[in-house]
Amino acid sequence: MRAVVQRCDGASVRVAGQEVGSFTGPGLLVLLGIARGDTATQGDRIATKLWGMRLFSPDHCRDQLQLSAEQTRELSAADLSLPILVISQFTLYGRTDKGRRPTWEDAATGAEAEPLVDHVIAKLRDLGADVATGVFGADMRVSSTNDGPMTLIVEA
């Protein structure tokens, strides 16, 4: 399981011209790829990691928070109750080592991937995250304002 994570100042996703998920202000955009053989246990690990990764500073606080000196170093989306937009992205497992045309042989099939994407989203929500999503398998238009820029690859 692989995620490309961006710290953003707003992100949205549109399907067929209609906005289906978004957030304004600070939060995380997560492009989530599922490989063949991935499991729900990996989904739990990646959700927990995403929610707890310390990528934010007090400058990202929506409200004035009373923070101790230790808390002001690096804060997570969980610490600040920031939103997450999760987009399924099978192309994260595209292989480009031969020729000019990517192959998708390492990516899970839709039937295998969709329940795991749903599992990660449910786990994030169980952890307390406000999660917006795209539409699995749809042709989506994703927009974001990368803050930093801060982009990481997370694997479980």
N, C-alpha and C. Protein backbone atom coordinates (compact mmCIF):
# COMPACT_ATOMS: atom_id res chain seq x y z
N MET A 1 0.86 -1.16 0.00
CA MET A 1 0.00 0.00 0.00
C MET A 1 0.91 1.22 0.00
N ARG A 2 0.53 2.18 -0.82
CA ARG A 2 1.38 3.35 -1.01
C ARG A 2 0.50 4.59 -1.05
N ALA A 3 0.98 5.66 -0.43
CA ALA A 3 0.26 6.93 -0.46
C ALA A 3 1.24 8.06 -0.77
N VAL A 4 0.81 8.95 -1.63
CA VAL A 4 1.50 10.21 -1.82
C VAL A 4 0.70 11.23 -1.02
N VAL A 5 1.37 11.88 -0.08
CA VAL A 5 0.71 12.77 0.88
C VAL A 5 1.22 14.19 0.66
N GLN A 6 0.29 15.12 0.52
CA GLN A 6 0.65 16.52 0.38
C GLN A 6 0.00 17.33 1.48
N ARG A 7 0.82 18.15 2.13
CA ARG A 7 0.28 19.14 3.06
C ARG A 7 -0.25 20.26 2.19
N CYS A 8 -1.53 20.56 2.33
CA CYS A 8 -2.17 21.51 1.43
C CYS A 8 -2.88 22.62 2.19
N ASP A 9 -3.08 23.69 1.48
CA ASP A 9 -3.94 24.78 1.95
C ASP A 9 -5.16 24.78 1.03
N GLY A 10 -5.93 23.70 1.15
CA GLY A 10 -7.13 23.53 0.34
C GLY A 10 -6.92 22.52 -0.77
N ALA A 11 -7.93 21.67 -0.99
CA ALA A 11 -7.90 20.68 -2.06
C ALA A 11 -9.34 20.31 -2.41
N SER A 12 -9.54 19.88 -3.66
CA SER A 12 -10.88 19.48 -4.07
C SER A 12 -10.77 18.44 -5.18
N VAL A 13 -11.87 17.70 -5.36
CA VAL A 13 -11.95 16.72 -6.44
C VAL A 13 -13.31 16.86 -7.11
N ARG A 14 -13.30 16.81 -8.44
CA ARG A 14 -14.52 16.92 -9.23
C ARG A 14 -14.67 15.67 -10.09
N VAL A 15 -15.91 15.23 -10.25
CA VAL A 15 -16.27 14.13 -11.13
C VAL A 15 -17.41 14.62 -12.01
N ALA A 16 -17.24 14.50 -13.32
CA ALA A 16 -18.26 14.94 -14.29
C ALA A 16 -18.70 16.38 -14.02
N GLY A 17 -17.72 17.23 -13.68
CA GLY A 17 -18.00 18.64 -13.47
C GLY A 17 -18.57 19.00 -12.11
N GLN A 18 -18.84 18.01 -11.26
CA GLN A 18 -19.41 18.26 -9.94
C GLN A 18 -18.37 18.01 -8.85
N GLU A 19 -18.26 18.94 -7.92
CA GLU A 19 -17.36 18.74 -6.78
C GLU A 19 -17.94 17.65 -5.89
N VAL A 20 -17.12 16.63 -5.60
CA VAL A 20 -17.57 15.52 -4.77
C VAL A 20 -16.85 15.47 -3.42
N GLY A 21 -15.77 16.19 -3.29
CA GLY A 21 -15.03 16.22 -2.04
C GLY A 21 -14.09 17.41 -2.00
N SER A 22 -13.92 18.01 -0.83
CA SER A 22 -13.01 19.16 -0.74
C SER A 22 -12.76 19.52 0.72
N PHE A 23 -11.76 20.36 0.91
CA PHE A 23 -11.56 21.05 2.18
C PHE A 23 -10.90 22.38 1.87
N THR A 24 -11.11 23.35 2.75
CA THR A 24 -10.45 24.65 2.64
C THR A 24 -9.55 24.82 3.85
N GLY A 25 -8.51 25.60 3.69
CA GLY A 25 -7.56 25.78 4.77
C GLY A 25 -6.62 24.60 4.84
N PRO A 26 -5.86 24.48 5.94
CA PRO A 26 -4.87 23.42 6.03
C PRO A 26 -5.48 22.03 6.14
N GLY A 27 -4.78 21.05 5.56
CA GLY A 27 -5.20 19.66 5.62
C GLY A 27 -4.27 18.81 4.78
N LEU A 28 -4.64 17.56 4.58
CA LEU A 28 -3.83 16.62 3.81
C LEU A 28 -4.59 16.12 2.58
N LEU A 29 -3.90 16.08 1.46
CA LEU A 29 -4.38 15.40 0.26
C LEU A 29 -3.62 14.09 0.20
N VAL A 30 -4.35 12.97 0.12
CA VAL A 30 -3.75 11.64 0.10
C VAL A 30 -4.17 10.93 -1.18
N LEU A 31 -3.19 10.62 -2.02
CA LEU A 31 -3.40 9.78 -3.19
C LEU A 31 -3.02 8.37 -2.76
N LEU A 32 -3.99 7.46 -2.76
CA LEU A 32 -3.81 6.14 -2.17
C LEU A 32 -3.82 5.04 -3.22
N GLY A 33 -2.71 4.29 -3.29
CA GLY A 33 -2.60 3.17 -4.22
C GLY A 33 -2.57 1.85 -3.49
N ILE A 34 -3.26 0.87 -4.06
CA ILE A 34 -3.34 -0.47 -3.47
C ILE A 34 -2.63 -1.44 -4.42
N ALA A 35 -1.72 -2.23 -3.88
CA ALA A 35 -1.01 -3.23 -4.68
C ALA A 35 -1.68 -4.59 -4.53
N ARG A 36 -1.41 -5.46 -5.48
CA ARG A 36 -1.90 -6.84 -5.38
C ARG A 36 -1.40 -7.43 -4.06
N GLY A 37 -2.30 -8.09 -3.34
CA GLY A 37 -1.91 -8.75 -2.09
C GLY A 37 -1.93 -7.87 -0.86
N ASP A 38 -2.23 -6.58 -0.99
CA ASP A 38 -2.32 -5.73 0.20
C ASP A 38 -3.45 -6.20 1.11
N THR A 39 -3.33 -5.86 2.40
CA THR A 39 -4.28 -6.34 3.40
C THR A 39 -4.88 -5.20 4.23
N ALA A 40 -5.94 -5.52 4.95
CA ALA A 40 -6.56 -4.55 5.85
C ALA A 40 -5.60 -4.13 6.96
N THR A 41 -4.73 -5.03 7.39
CA THR A 41 -3.74 -4.68 8.42
C THR A 41 -2.83 -3.57 7.91
N GLN A 42 -2.41 -3.65 6.66
CA GLN A 42 -1.61 -2.56 6.08
C GLN A 42 -2.44 -1.28 6.02
N GLY A 43 -3.72 -1.41 5.71
CA GLY A 43 -4.60 -0.25 5.68
C GLY A 43 -4.70 0.43 7.03
N ASP A 44 -4.79 -0.36 8.10
CA ASP A 44 -4.81 0.20 9.45
C ASP A 44 -3.53 0.97 9.74
N ARG A 45 -2.39 0.36 9.36
CA ARG A 45 -1.09 1.01 9.62
C ARG A 45 -0.95 2.32 8.86
N ILE A 46 -1.35 2.33 7.59
CA ILE A 46 -1.17 3.55 6.81
C ILE A 46 -2.11 4.64 7.29
N ALA A 47 -3.34 4.29 7.66
CA ALA A 47 -4.28 5.28 8.18
C ALA A 47 -3.76 5.90 9.47
N THR A 48 -3.28 5.07 10.37
CA THR A 48 -2.74 5.55 11.65
C THR A 48 -1.54 6.45 11.41
N LYS A 49 -0.69 6.06 10.49
CA LYS A 49 0.49 6.87 10.17
C LYS A 49 0.09 8.21 9.58
N LEU A 50 -0.84 8.21 8.63
CA LEU A 50 -1.27 9.46 7.99
C LEU A 50 -1.86 10.43 9.01
N TRP A 51 -2.71 9.94 9.89
CA TRP A 51 -3.38 10.77 10.86
C TRP A 51 -2.40 11.32 11.89
N GLY A 52 -1.34 10.58 12.18
CA GLY A 52 -0.41 10.99 13.24
C GLY A 52 0.88 11.63 12.77
N MET A 53 1.12 11.70 11.47
CA MET A 53 2.38 12.27 10.99
C MET A 53 2.47 13.75 11.34
N ARG A 54 3.61 14.14 11.90
CA ARG A 54 3.81 15.52 12.34
C ARG A 54 4.34 16.36 11.19
N LEU A 55 3.43 17.02 10.49
CA LEU A 55 3.76 17.79 9.30
C LEU A 55 3.37 19.26 9.41
N PHE A 56 2.75 19.64 10.51
CA PHE A 56 2.20 20.99 10.63
C PHE A 56 2.86 21.75 11.76
N SER A 57 2.79 23.07 11.68
CA SER A 57 3.29 23.94 12.74
C SER A 57 2.11 24.69 13.35
N PRO A 58 2.32 25.41 14.44
CA PRO A 58 1.22 26.18 15.02
C PRO A 58 0.61 27.18 14.04
N ASP A 59 1.37 27.60 13.02
CA ASP A 59 0.85 28.52 12.02
C ASP A 59 -0.34 27.94 11.27
N HIS A 60 -0.48 26.61 11.30
CA HIS A 60 -1.57 25.94 10.60
C HIS A 60 -2.84 25.84 11.44
N CYS A 61 -2.81 26.36 12.67
CA CYS A 61 -3.97 26.27 13.56
C CYS A 61 -5.09 27.15 13.04
N ARG A 62 -6.28 26.57 12.98
CA ARG A 62 -7.46 27.34 12.57
C ARG A 62 -7.89 28.29 13.68
N ASP A 63 -7.80 27.83 14.90
CA ASP A 63 -8.21 28.62 16.06
C ASP A 63 -6.99 28.82 16.95
N GLN A 64 -7.09 29.77 17.82
CA GLN A 64 -6.02 29.96 18.79
C GLN A 64 -6.04 28.79 19.77
N LEU A 65 -5.02 27.99 19.75
CA LEU A 65 -4.92 26.85 20.66
C LEU A 65 -3.90 27.18 21.74
N GLN A 66 -4.14 26.66 22.91
CA GLN A 66 -3.18 26.79 23.99
C GLN A 66 -2.21 25.62 23.86
N LEU A 67 -1.00 25.87 23.40
CA LEU A 67 -0.02 24.82 23.15
C LEU A 67 1.15 24.93 24.11
N SER A 68 1.60 23.79 24.59
CA SER A 68 2.79 23.78 25.42
C SER A 68 4.01 23.95 24.51
N ALA A 69 5.16 24.22 25.10
CA ALA A 69 6.38 24.39 24.30
C ALA A 69 6.68 23.13 23.50
N GLU A 70 6.42 21.95 24.07
CA GLU A 70 6.68 20.70 23.36
C GLU A 70 5.74 20.52 22.17
N GLN A 71 4.49 20.93 22.31
CA GLN A 71 3.51 20.77 21.25
C GLN A 71 3.76 21.69 20.07
N THR A 72 4.52 22.76 20.24
CA THR A 72 4.68 23.72 19.16
C THR A 72 5.74 23.30 18.15
N ARG A 73 6.44 22.21 18.40
CA ARG A 73 7.48 21.78 17.46
C ARG A 73 6.89 21.32 16.15
N GLU A 74 6.20 20.21 16.17
CA GLU A 74 5.57 19.66 14.97
C GLU A 74 4.26 19.03 15.38
N LEU A 75 3.24 19.33 14.63
CA LEU A 75 1.91 18.86 14.97
C LEU A 75 1.34 18.01 13.84
N SER A 76 0.45 17.10 14.20
CA SER A 76 -0.18 16.23 13.21
C SER A 76 -1.56 16.76 12.84
N ALA A 77 -2.13 16.17 11.79
CA ALA A 77 -3.52 16.48 11.45
C ALA A 77 -4.42 16.13 12.63
N ALA A 78 -4.08 15.05 13.35
CA ALA A 78 -4.87 14.66 14.52
C ALA A 78 -4.79 15.73 15.61
N ASP A 79 -3.59 16.28 15.86
CA ASP A 79 -3.42 17.30 16.90
C ASP A 79 -4.28 18.52 16.61
N LEU A 80 -4.43 18.86 15.33
CA LEU A 80 -5.12 20.09 14.93
C LEU A 80 -6.53 19.84 14.38
N SER A 81 -6.96 18.58 14.38
CA SER A 81 -8.27 18.21 13.81
C SER A 81 -8.43 18.72 12.37
N LEU A 82 -7.41 18.46 11.55
CA LEU A 82 -7.43 18.93 10.17
C LEU A 82 -8.05 17.88 9.25
N PRO A 83 -8.67 18.31 8.16
CA PRO A 83 -9.32 17.39 7.24
C PRO A 83 -8.33 16.67 6.32
N ILE A 84 -8.83 15.58 5.75
CA ILE A 84 -8.05 14.79 4.80
C ILE A 84 -8.93 14.50 3.59
N LEU A 85 -8.38 14.68 2.40
CA LEU A 85 -9.05 14.29 1.16
C LEU A 85 -8.32 13.08 0.61
N VAL A 86 -9.01 11.93 0.50
CA VAL A 86 -8.42 10.68 0.03
C VAL A 86 -8.93 10.39 -1.38
N ILE A 87 -7.97 10.17 -2.29
CA ILE A 87 -8.28 9.86 -3.68
C ILE A 87 -7.62 8.53 -4.02
N SER A 88 -8.40 7.57 -4.52
CA SER A 88 -7.80 6.29 -4.95
C SER A 88 -6.97 6.54 -6.20
N GLN A 89 -5.80 5.88 -6.29
CA GLN A 89 -4.85 6.19 -7.34
C GLN A 89 -4.06 4.94 -7.73
N PHE A 90 -4.64 4.10 -8.60
CA PHE A 90 -3.96 2.86 -8.98
C PHE A 90 -2.66 3.14 -9.71
N THR A 91 -2.52 4.31 -10.31
CA THR A 91 -1.31 4.61 -11.09
C THR A 91 -0.06 4.74 -10.21
N LEU A 92 -0.22 4.78 -8.89
CA LEU A 92 0.96 4.81 -8.02
C LEU A 92 1.76 3.51 -8.14
N TYR A 93 1.14 2.47 -8.69
CA TYR A 93 1.84 1.21 -8.91
C TYR A 93 2.15 0.98 -10.38
N GLY A 94 2.16 2.04 -11.16
CA GLY A 94 2.58 1.92 -12.56
C GLY A 94 4.06 1.65 -12.63
N ARG A 95 4.44 0.76 -13.54
CA ARG A 95 5.87 0.45 -13.74
C ARG A 95 6.33 1.09 -15.04
N THR A 96 7.48 1.75 -14.97
CA THR A 96 8.01 2.46 -16.13
C THR A 96 9.43 2.03 -16.46
N ASP A 97 9.85 0.86 -15.95
CA ASP A 97 11.24 0.44 -16.13
C ASP A 97 11.54 -0.04 -17.54
N LYS A 98 10.54 -0.40 -18.32
CA LYS A 98 10.76 -0.85 -19.69
C LYS A 98 9.91 -0.04 -20.64
N GLY A 99 10.52 0.41 -21.71
CA GLY A 99 9.77 1.10 -22.75
C GLY A 99 9.21 2.44 -22.31
N ARG A 100 8.24 2.90 -23.08
CA ARG A 100 7.65 4.22 -22.84
C ARG A 100 6.21 4.14 -22.34
N ARG A 101 5.66 2.95 -22.27
CA ARG A 101 4.28 2.78 -21.84
C ARG A 101 4.26 2.13 -20.45
N PRO A 102 3.66 2.81 -19.45
CA PRO A 102 3.58 2.21 -18.12
C PRO A 102 2.74 0.93 -18.14
N THR A 103 3.07 0.02 -17.24
CA THR A 103 2.24 -1.16 -17.02
C THR A 103 1.65 -1.06 -15.62
N TRP A 104 0.54 -1.75 -15.40
CA TRP A 104 -0.17 -1.65 -14.14
C TRP A 104 -0.22 -3.00 -13.44
N GLU A 105 0.69 -3.91 -13.78
CA GLU A 105 0.62 -5.28 -13.26
C GLU A 105 0.77 -5.38 -11.75
N ASP A 106 1.39 -4.41 -11.10
CA ASP A 106 1.55 -4.45 -9.65
C ASP A 106 0.34 -3.88 -8.90
N ALA A 107 -0.51 -3.15 -9.60
CA ALA A 107 -1.69 -2.55 -8.97
C ALA A 107 -2.76 -3.62 -8.76
N ALA A 108 -3.47 -3.50 -7.65
CA ALA A 108 -4.59 -4.41 -7.38
C ALA A 108 -5.71 -4.16 -8.38
N THR A 109 -6.50 -5.17 -8.63
CA THR A 109 -7.69 -5.00 -9.46
C THR A 109 -8.68 -4.11 -8.71
N GLY A 110 -9.63 -3.56 -9.43
CA GLY A 110 -10.66 -2.74 -8.79
C GLY A 110 -11.40 -3.49 -7.70
N ALA A 111 -11.72 -4.76 -7.97
CA ALA A 111 -12.47 -5.57 -7.00
C ALA A 111 -11.66 -5.79 -5.72
N GLU A 112 -10.35 -5.87 -5.83
CA GLU A 112 -9.49 -6.04 -4.65
C GLU A 112 -9.21 -4.70 -3.97
N ALA A 113 -9.03 -3.65 -4.77
CA ALA A 113 -8.61 -2.36 -4.23
C ALA A 113 -9.73 -1.57 -3.55
N GLU A 114 -10.91 -1.58 -4.13
CA GLU A 114 -11.98 -0.71 -3.60
C GLU A 114 -12.30 -0.98 -2.13
N PRO A 115 -12.45 -2.26 -1.71
CA PRO A 115 -12.72 -2.48 -0.28
C PRO A 115 -11.58 -2.01 0.63
N LEU A 116 -10.34 -2.08 0.14
CA LEU A 116 -9.21 -1.63 0.97
C LEU A 116 -9.16 -0.11 1.04
N VAL A 117 -9.47 0.57 -0.05
CA VAL A 117 -9.56 2.03 0.00
C VAL A 117 -10.65 2.43 0.99
N ASP A 118 -11.80 1.78 0.90
CA ASP A 118 -12.89 2.06 1.84
C ASP A 118 -12.47 1.77 3.28
N HIS A 119 -11.68 0.72 3.47
CA HIS A 119 -11.20 0.36 4.81
C HIS A 119 -10.30 1.46 5.38
N VAL A 120 -9.39 1.98 4.57
CA VAL A 120 -8.49 3.05 5.03
C VAL A 120 -9.31 4.29 5.39
N ILE A 121 -10.28 4.63 4.57
CA ILE A 121 -11.13 5.79 4.84
C ILE A 121 -11.90 5.58 6.15
N ALA A 122 -12.47 4.40 6.34
CA ALA A 122 -13.21 4.10 7.57
C ALA A 122 -12.29 4.16 8.79
N LYS A 123 -11.07 3.66 8.66
CA LYS A 123 -10.12 3.69 9.78
C LYS A 123 -9.76 5.14 10.13
N LEU A 124 -9.52 5.96 9.12
CA LEU A 124 -9.23 7.38 9.38
C LEU A 124 -10.39 8.02 10.13
N ARG A 125 -11.60 7.73 9.70
CA ARG A 125 -12.79 8.29 10.37
C ARG A 125 -12.90 7.77 11.80
N ASP A 126 -12.60 6.48 12.01
CA ASP A 126 -12.62 5.91 13.36
C ASP A 126 -11.61 6.60 14.27
N LEU A 127 -10.49 7.02 13.67
CA LEU A 127 -9.46 7.72 14.43
C LEU A 127 -9.85 9.16 14.75
N GLY A 128 -10.89 9.67 14.09
CA GLY A 128 -11.37 11.02 14.35
C GLY A 128 -11.21 11.99 13.20
N ALA A 129 -10.73 11.52 12.05
CA ALA A 129 -10.49 12.41 10.91
C ALA A 129 -11.80 12.76 10.20
N ASP A 130 -11.86 14.00 9.72
CA ASP A 130 -12.92 14.45 8.82
C ASP A 130 -12.39 14.15 7.42
N VAL A 131 -12.95 13.12 6.75
CA VAL A 131 -12.41 12.63 5.49
C VAL A 131 -13.38 12.90 4.36
N ALA A 132 -12.88 13.56 3.33
CA ALA A 132 -13.60 13.71 2.06
C ALA A 132 -12.95 12.75 1.08
N THR A 133 -13.70 12.35 0.05
CA THR A 133 -13.17 11.37 -0.90
C THR A 133 -13.55 11.74 -2.32
N GLY A 134 -12.87 11.07 -3.23
CA GLY A 134 -13.27 11.08 -4.63
C GLY A 134 -14.25 9.94 -4.85
N VAL A 135 -14.37 9.50 -6.10
CA VAL A 135 -15.24 8.39 -6.46
C VAL A 135 -14.37 7.29 -7.05
N PHE A 136 -14.36 6.13 -6.43
CA PHE A 136 -13.49 5.04 -6.86
C PHE A 136 -13.74 4.72 -8.33
N GLY A 137 -12.65 4.65 -9.10
CA GLY A 137 -12.72 4.27 -10.50
C GLY A 137 -13.18 5.35 -11.46
N ALA A 138 -13.56 6.51 -10.94
CA ALA A 138 -14.05 7.59 -11.80
C ALA A 138 -12.89 8.39 -12.39
N ASP A 139 -13.17 9.08 -13.48
CA ASP A 139 -12.24 10.04 -14.06
C ASP A 139 -12.38 11.31 -13.21
N MET A 140 -11.36 11.62 -12.43
CA MET A 140 -11.45 12.71 -11.47
C MET A 140 -10.50 13.85 -11.83
N ARG A 141 -10.89 15.04 -11.44
CA ARG A 141 -10.06 16.22 -11.57
C ARG A 141 -9.74 16.69 -10.15
N VAL A 142 -8.46 16.59 -9.79
CA VAL A 142 -8.03 16.93 -8.43
C VAL A 142 -7.27 18.25 -8.48
N SER A 143 -7.63 19.16 -7.60
CA SER A 143 -6.96 20.45 -7.48
C SER A 143 -6.48 20.61 -6.05
N SER A 144 -5.30 21.20 -5.91
CA SER A 144 -4.79 21.45 -4.57
C SER A 144 -3.80 22.59 -4.58
N THR A 145 -3.63 23.19 -3.43
CA THR A 145 -2.59 24.17 -3.21
C THR A 145 -1.62 23.56 -2.22
N ASN A 146 -0.48 23.10 -2.75
CA ASN A 146 0.53 22.44 -1.93
C ASN A 146 1.18 23.49 -1.03
N ASP A 147 1.24 23.20 0.25
CA ASP A 147 1.78 24.12 1.25
C ASP A 147 3.18 23.67 1.61
N GLY A 148 4.15 24.44 1.21
CA GLY A 148 5.52 24.12 1.56
C GLY A 148 6.51 24.40 0.44
N PRO A 149 6.53 23.61 -0.59
CA PRO A 149 5.75 22.38 -0.79
C PRO A 149 6.19 21.25 0.13
N MET A 150 5.23 20.44 0.50
CA MET A 150 5.47 19.29 1.36
C MET A 150 4.77 18.09 0.74
N THR A 151 5.55 17.19 0.16
CA THR A 151 5.01 15.98 -0.46
C THR A 151 5.86 14.80 -0.01
N LEU A 152 5.19 13.76 0.50
CA LEU A 152 5.87 12.57 0.99
C LEU A 152 5.26 11.31 0.40
N ILE A 153 6.06 10.26 0.33
CA ILE A 153 5.57 8.94 -0.05
C ILE A 153 5.57 8.10 1.22
N VAL A 154 4.42 7.50 1.52
CA VAL A 154 4.25 6.68 2.72
C VAL A 154 3.87 5.29 2.26
N GLU A 155 4.54 4.27 2.81
CA GLU A 155 4.22 2.89 2.43
C GLU A 155 3.95 2.06 3.68
N ALA A 156 3.06 1.10 3.52
CA ALA A 156 2.75 0.18 4.62
C ALA A 156 2.71 -1.23 4.07
